[in-house]
Amino acid sequence: MAPEVRTCLDRLVRAEWLQRRLAASNPILIEQKLASLAEAGSGDDIGAAYASLETTLQGLQVRINAAERNYRNALPELYKLREGIPKDLRAIGFGCKKSEPSL
């Protein structure tokens, strides 16, 4: 496999992994904040949880947006480089655009 293709695939995998990890982080942060508010006797106020996590959630969203942008940038690049992908991998559809299933 050409080094450029490998690099592009690495970028795609890293971006996808990061997107999944960050998406899982959001509800965990909220749940932890709600639990700490409940322990402090502040009640179960979701608004207070979001307000106290505003800066953290904004930073998380910046990272999510960057991962999505990296994925969107790497995917067309992979399509351009797919000629460097071995034919046996192309035969199973690797590096090719997904087609709509036929009925």
N, C-alpha and C. Protein backbone atom coordinates (compact mmCIF):
# COMPACT_ATOMS: atom_id res chain seq x y z
N MET A 1 0.86 -1.17 0.00
CA MET A 1 0.00 0.00 0.00
C MET A 1 0.91 1.23 0.00
N ALA A 2 0.54 2.19 -0.79
CA ALA A 2 1.33 3.42 -0.90
C ALA A 2 1.30 4.18 0.43
N PRO A 3 2.41 4.83 0.78
CA PRO A 3 2.46 5.57 2.06
C PRO A 3 1.37 6.63 2.17
N GLU A 4 1.04 7.27 1.05
CA GLU A 4 0.00 8.30 1.09
C GLU A 4 -1.35 7.70 1.44
N VAL A 5 -1.63 6.51 0.89
CA VAL A 5 -2.90 5.84 1.18
C VAL A 5 -2.93 5.42 2.64
N ARG A 6 -1.83 4.88 3.13
CA ARG A 6 -1.76 4.47 4.53
C ARG A 6 -1.97 5.67 5.46
N THR A 7 -1.35 6.78 5.14
CA THR A 7 -1.51 8.00 5.95
C THR A 7 -2.96 8.47 5.94
N CYS A 8 -3.57 8.44 4.78
CA CYS A 8 -4.96 8.86 4.65
C CYS A 8 -5.88 7.94 5.45
N LEU A 9 -5.63 6.64 5.36
CA LEU A 9 -6.43 5.69 6.13
C LEU A 9 -6.24 5.89 7.63
N ASP A 10 -5.01 6.15 8.03
CA ASP A 10 -4.74 6.42 9.44
C ASP A 10 -5.52 7.64 9.92
N ARG A 11 -5.56 8.68 9.09
CA ARG A 11 -6.31 9.89 9.44
C ARG A 11 -7.79 9.59 9.59
N LEU A 12 -8.33 8.78 8.67
CA LEU A 12 -9.75 8.43 8.73
C LEU A 12 -10.07 7.63 9.99
N VAL A 13 -9.25 6.63 10.27
CA VAL A 13 -9.49 5.79 11.45
C VAL A 13 -9.35 6.61 12.73
N ARG A 14 -8.33 7.43 12.80
CA ARG A 14 -8.12 8.27 13.99
C ARG A 14 -9.30 9.22 14.19
N ALA A 15 -9.75 9.85 13.12
CA ALA A 15 -10.87 10.79 13.22
C ALA A 15 -12.15 10.07 13.64
N GLU A 16 -12.39 8.90 13.08
CA GLU A 16 -13.59 8.14 13.45
C GLU A 16 -13.54 7.71 14.91
N TRP A 17 -12.38 7.21 15.34
CA TRP A 17 -12.22 6.79 16.73
C TRP A 17 -12.44 7.97 17.67
N LEU A 18 -11.85 9.11 17.33
CA LEU A 18 -11.97 10.29 18.18
C LEU A 18 -13.41 10.78 18.24
N GLN A 19 -14.11 10.74 17.11
CA GLN A 19 -15.52 11.15 17.10
C GLN A 19 -16.34 10.27 18.04
N ARG A 20 -16.11 8.96 17.98
CA ARG A 20 -16.86 8.05 18.86
C ARG A 20 -16.53 8.30 20.32
N ARG A 21 -15.26 8.48 20.61
CA ARG A 21 -14.82 8.71 21.98
C ARG A 21 -15.40 10.00 22.54
N LEU A 22 -15.35 11.07 21.74
CA LEU A 22 -15.88 12.36 22.20
C LEU A 22 -17.39 12.33 22.34
N ALA A 23 -18.07 11.62 21.43
CA ALA A 23 -19.53 11.52 21.53
C ALA A 23 -19.93 10.80 22.81
N ALA A 24 -19.14 9.83 23.22
CA ALA A 24 -19.44 9.11 24.47
C ALA A 24 -19.12 9.96 25.69
N SER A 25 -18.22 10.93 25.56
CA SER A 25 -17.81 11.77 26.68
C SER A 25 -18.90 12.73 27.13
N ASN A 26 -19.67 13.24 26.20
CA ASN A 26 -20.68 14.25 26.51
C ASN A 26 -21.68 13.76 27.57
N PRO A 27 -22.36 12.63 27.35
CA PRO A 27 -23.33 12.20 28.38
C PRO A 27 -22.65 11.83 29.70
N ILE A 28 -21.43 11.33 29.64
CA ILE A 28 -20.73 10.98 30.88
C ILE A 28 -20.48 12.24 31.71
N LEU A 29 -20.05 13.32 31.06
CA LEU A 29 -19.82 14.57 31.77
C LEU A 29 -21.10 15.08 32.43
N ILE A 30 -22.20 15.04 31.69
CA ILE A 30 -23.49 15.51 32.23
C ILE A 30 -23.92 14.64 33.41
N GLU A 31 -23.82 13.32 33.26
CA GLU A 31 -24.23 12.42 34.34
C GLU A 31 -23.40 12.64 35.60
N GLN A 32 -22.09 12.81 35.43
CA GLN A 32 -21.23 13.05 36.59
C GLN A 32 -21.57 14.37 37.27
N LYS A 33 -21.84 15.40 36.48
CA LYS A 33 -22.19 16.70 37.07
C LYS A 33 -23.53 16.61 37.79
N LEU A 34 -24.51 15.91 37.20
CA LEU A 34 -25.79 15.74 37.86
C LEU A 34 -25.63 14.99 39.18
N ALA A 35 -24.78 13.98 39.19
CA ALA A 35 -24.54 13.21 40.42
C ALA A 35 -23.90 14.09 41.49
N SER A 36 -22.93 14.93 41.08
CA SER A 36 -22.28 15.80 42.07
C SER A 36 -23.24 16.87 42.58
N LEU A 37 -24.13 17.36 41.73
CA LEU A 37 -25.14 18.33 42.18
C LEU A 37 -26.12 17.68 43.14
N ALA A 38 -26.48 16.43 42.86
CA ALA A 38 -27.42 15.72 43.74
C ALA A 38 -26.78 15.47 45.11
N GLU A 39 -25.48 15.13 45.12
CA GLU A 39 -24.78 14.91 46.39
C GLU A 39 -24.68 16.20 47.20
N ALA A 40 -24.54 17.32 46.50
CA ALA A 40 -24.42 18.61 47.18
C ALA A 40 -25.78 19.14 47.64
N GLY A 41 -26.84 18.43 47.26
CA GLY A 41 -28.18 18.84 47.68
C GLY A 41 -28.78 19.90 46.79
N SER A 42 -28.17 20.13 45.63
CA SER A 42 -28.69 21.15 44.71
C SER A 42 -29.84 20.63 43.86
N GLY A 43 -30.16 19.38 44.00
CA GLY A 43 -31.24 18.82 43.21
C GLY A 43 -30.72 18.23 41.91
N ASP A 44 -31.64 17.90 41.06
CA ASP A 44 -31.33 17.24 39.79
C ASP A 44 -31.53 18.21 38.63
N ASP A 45 -31.03 19.42 38.76
CA ASP A 45 -31.28 20.46 37.78
C ASP A 45 -30.34 20.32 36.58
N ILE A 46 -30.88 19.89 35.47
CA ILE A 46 -30.06 19.71 34.26
C ILE A 46 -29.52 21.04 33.76
N GLY A 47 -30.29 22.09 33.96
CA GLY A 47 -29.83 23.42 33.54
C GLY A 47 -28.58 23.86 34.29
N ALA A 48 -28.54 23.58 35.58
CA ALA A 48 -27.37 23.92 36.38
C ALA A 48 -26.16 23.10 35.94
N ALA A 49 -26.41 21.85 35.57
CA ALA A 49 -25.31 20.99 35.11
C ALA A 49 -24.72 21.54 33.82
N TYR A 50 -25.58 21.90 32.88
CA TYR A 50 -25.09 22.46 31.61
C TYR A 50 -24.39 23.80 31.83
N ALA A 51 -24.94 24.62 32.71
CA ALA A 51 -24.34 25.93 32.96
C ALA A 51 -22.94 25.80 33.55
N SER A 52 -22.77 24.87 34.46
CA SER A 52 -21.45 24.72 35.08
C SER A 52 -20.46 24.03 34.16
N LEU A 53 -20.95 23.33 33.15
CA LEU A 53 -20.07 22.64 32.19
C LEU A 53 -19.93 23.38 30.86
N GLU A 54 -20.42 24.61 30.81
CA GLU A 54 -20.46 25.34 29.54
C GLU A 54 -19.10 25.39 28.84
N THR A 55 -18.06 25.77 29.54
CA THR A 55 -16.73 25.89 28.95
C THR A 55 -16.21 24.52 28.52
N THR A 56 -16.42 23.52 29.35
CA THR A 56 -15.97 22.16 29.02
C THR A 56 -16.68 21.64 27.79
N LEU A 57 -18.00 21.84 27.73
CA LEU A 57 -18.77 21.34 26.59
C LEU A 57 -18.43 22.10 25.30
N GLN A 58 -18.11 23.37 25.42
CA GLN A 58 -17.67 24.13 24.24
C GLN A 58 -16.35 23.59 23.71
N GLY A 59 -15.43 23.30 24.61
CA GLY A 59 -14.15 22.72 24.20
C GLY A 59 -14.34 21.35 23.57
N LEU A 60 -15.25 20.58 24.12
CA LEU A 60 -15.56 19.26 23.56
C LEU A 60 -16.13 19.40 22.16
N GLN A 61 -17.02 20.36 21.97
CA GLN A 61 -17.62 20.57 20.64
C GLN A 61 -16.57 21.01 19.63
N VAL A 62 -15.61 21.82 20.04
CA VAL A 62 -14.53 22.23 19.14
C VAL A 62 -13.75 21.01 18.68
N ARG A 63 -13.46 20.09 19.60
CA ARG A 63 -12.73 18.88 19.23
C ARG A 63 -13.56 17.98 18.34
N ILE A 64 -14.87 17.88 18.59
CA ILE A 64 -15.75 17.08 17.75
C ILE A 64 -15.77 17.65 16.33
N ASN A 65 -15.90 18.98 16.23
CA ASN A 65 -15.92 19.62 14.92
C ASN A 65 -14.61 19.39 14.17
N ALA A 66 -13.49 19.46 14.88
CA ALA A 66 -12.19 19.24 14.24
C ALA A 66 -12.06 17.81 13.74
N ALA A 67 -12.53 16.84 14.52
CA ALA A 67 -12.47 15.44 14.10
C ALA A 67 -13.35 15.21 12.87
N GLU A 68 -14.55 15.80 12.86
CA GLU A 68 -15.43 15.67 11.70
C GLU A 68 -14.80 16.31 10.47
N ARG A 69 -14.18 17.46 10.63
CA ARG A 69 -13.52 18.14 9.52
C ARG A 69 -12.36 17.30 8.98
N ASN A 70 -11.58 16.73 9.88
CA ASN A 70 -10.47 15.87 9.45
C ASN A 70 -10.98 14.67 8.67
N TYR A 71 -12.07 14.09 9.12
CA TYR A 71 -12.66 12.95 8.41
C TYR A 71 -13.14 13.36 7.02
N ARG A 72 -13.88 14.48 6.97
CA ARG A 72 -14.39 14.97 5.67
C ARG A 72 -13.27 15.31 4.71
N ASN A 73 -12.15 15.82 5.21
CA ASN A 73 -11.02 16.16 4.35
C ASN A 73 -10.27 14.93 3.88
N ALA A 74 -10.17 13.92 4.73
CA ALA A 74 -9.40 12.72 4.38
C ALA A 74 -10.15 11.81 3.43
N LEU A 75 -11.47 11.77 3.51
CA LEU A 75 -12.23 10.84 2.68
C LEU A 75 -12.09 11.13 1.18
N PRO A 76 -12.27 12.36 0.71
CA PRO A 76 -12.07 12.60 -0.72
C PRO A 76 -10.63 12.33 -1.16
N GLU A 77 -9.70 12.59 -0.25
CA GLU A 77 -8.30 12.33 -0.56
C GLU A 77 -8.08 10.83 -0.78
N LEU A 78 -8.75 10.01 0.02
CA LEU A 78 -8.63 8.57 -0.14
C LEU A 78 -9.20 8.14 -1.49
N TYR A 79 -10.33 8.73 -1.88
CA TYR A 79 -10.91 8.40 -3.18
C TYR A 79 -9.94 8.73 -4.31
N LYS A 80 -9.23 9.83 -4.18
CA LYS A 80 -8.25 10.20 -5.20
C LYS A 80 -7.08 9.24 -5.23
N LEU A 81 -6.72 8.71 -4.07
CA LEU A 81 -5.56 7.83 -3.96
C LEU A 81 -5.91 6.35 -4.12
N ARG A 82 -7.17 6.02 -4.29
CA ARG A 82 -7.58 4.62 -4.25
C ARG A 82 -6.92 3.76 -5.31
N GLU A 83 -6.36 4.37 -6.34
CA GLU A 83 -5.64 3.59 -7.33
C GLU A 83 -4.41 2.92 -6.72
N GLY A 84 -3.93 3.48 -5.60
CA GLY A 84 -2.79 2.89 -4.91
C GLY A 84 -3.18 1.73 -4.00
N ILE A 85 -4.49 1.49 -3.86
CA ILE A 85 -4.96 0.41 -3.01
C ILE A 85 -4.87 -0.89 -3.82
N PRO A 86 -4.33 -1.95 -3.25
CA PRO A 86 -4.22 -3.21 -3.99
C PRO A 86 -5.55 -3.66 -4.55
N LYS A 87 -5.50 -4.31 -5.71
CA LYS A 87 -6.72 -4.72 -6.39
C LYS A 87 -7.57 -5.67 -5.57
N ASP A 88 -6.94 -6.53 -4.77
CA ASP A 88 -7.73 -7.46 -3.96
C ASP A 88 -8.59 -6.72 -2.93
N LEU A 89 -8.09 -5.59 -2.40
CA LEU A 89 -8.90 -4.80 -1.47
C LEU A 89 -9.97 -4.01 -2.21
N ARG A 90 -9.65 -3.52 -3.40
CA ARG A 90 -10.66 -2.80 -4.18
C ARG A 90 -11.78 -3.74 -4.60
N ALA A 91 -11.45 -5.02 -4.82
CA ALA A 91 -12.45 -5.99 -5.25
C ALA A 91 -13.53 -6.19 -4.20
N ILE A 92 -13.19 -6.01 -2.93
CA ILE A 92 -14.20 -6.15 -1.87
C ILE A 92 -14.83 -4.81 -1.52
N GLY A 93 -14.48 -3.78 -2.29
CA GLY A 93 -15.12 -2.48 -2.11
C GLY A 93 -14.38 -1.51 -1.24
N PHE A 94 -13.18 -1.86 -0.81
CA PHE A 94 -12.41 -0.97 0.05
C PHE A 94 -11.94 0.23 -0.73
N GLY A 95 -12.20 1.42 -0.22
CA GLY A 95 -11.75 2.64 -0.86
C GLY A 95 -12.66 3.11 -1.98
N CYS A 96 -13.79 2.47 -2.14
CA CYS A 96 -14.73 2.85 -3.19
C CYS A 96 -15.98 3.43 -2.54
N LYS A 97 -16.64 4.29 -3.27
CA LYS A 97 -17.86 4.86 -2.78
C LYS A 97 -18.91 3.75 -2.63
N LYS A 98 -19.69 3.85 -1.57
CA LYS A 98 -20.75 2.88 -1.36
C LYS A 98 -21.85 3.13 -2.37
N SER A 99 -22.35 2.06 -2.95
CA SER A 99 -23.47 2.20 -3.87
C SER A 99 -24.75 1.89 -3.11
N GLU A 100 -25.83 2.39 -3.63
CA GLU A 100 -27.12 2.13 -3.04
C GLU A 100 -27.49 0.66 -3.28
N PRO A 101 -28.07 0.00 -2.28
CA PRO A 101 -28.46 -1.39 -2.49
C PRO A 101 -29.58 -1.49 -3.52
N SER A 102 -29.46 -2.48 -4.34
CA SER A 102 -30.49 -2.66 -5.37
C SER A 102 -31.61 -3.53 -4.80
N LEU A 103 -32.80 -3.23 -5.20
CA LEU A 103 -33.96 -4.00 -4.71
C LEU A 103 -34.42 -4.98 -5.75
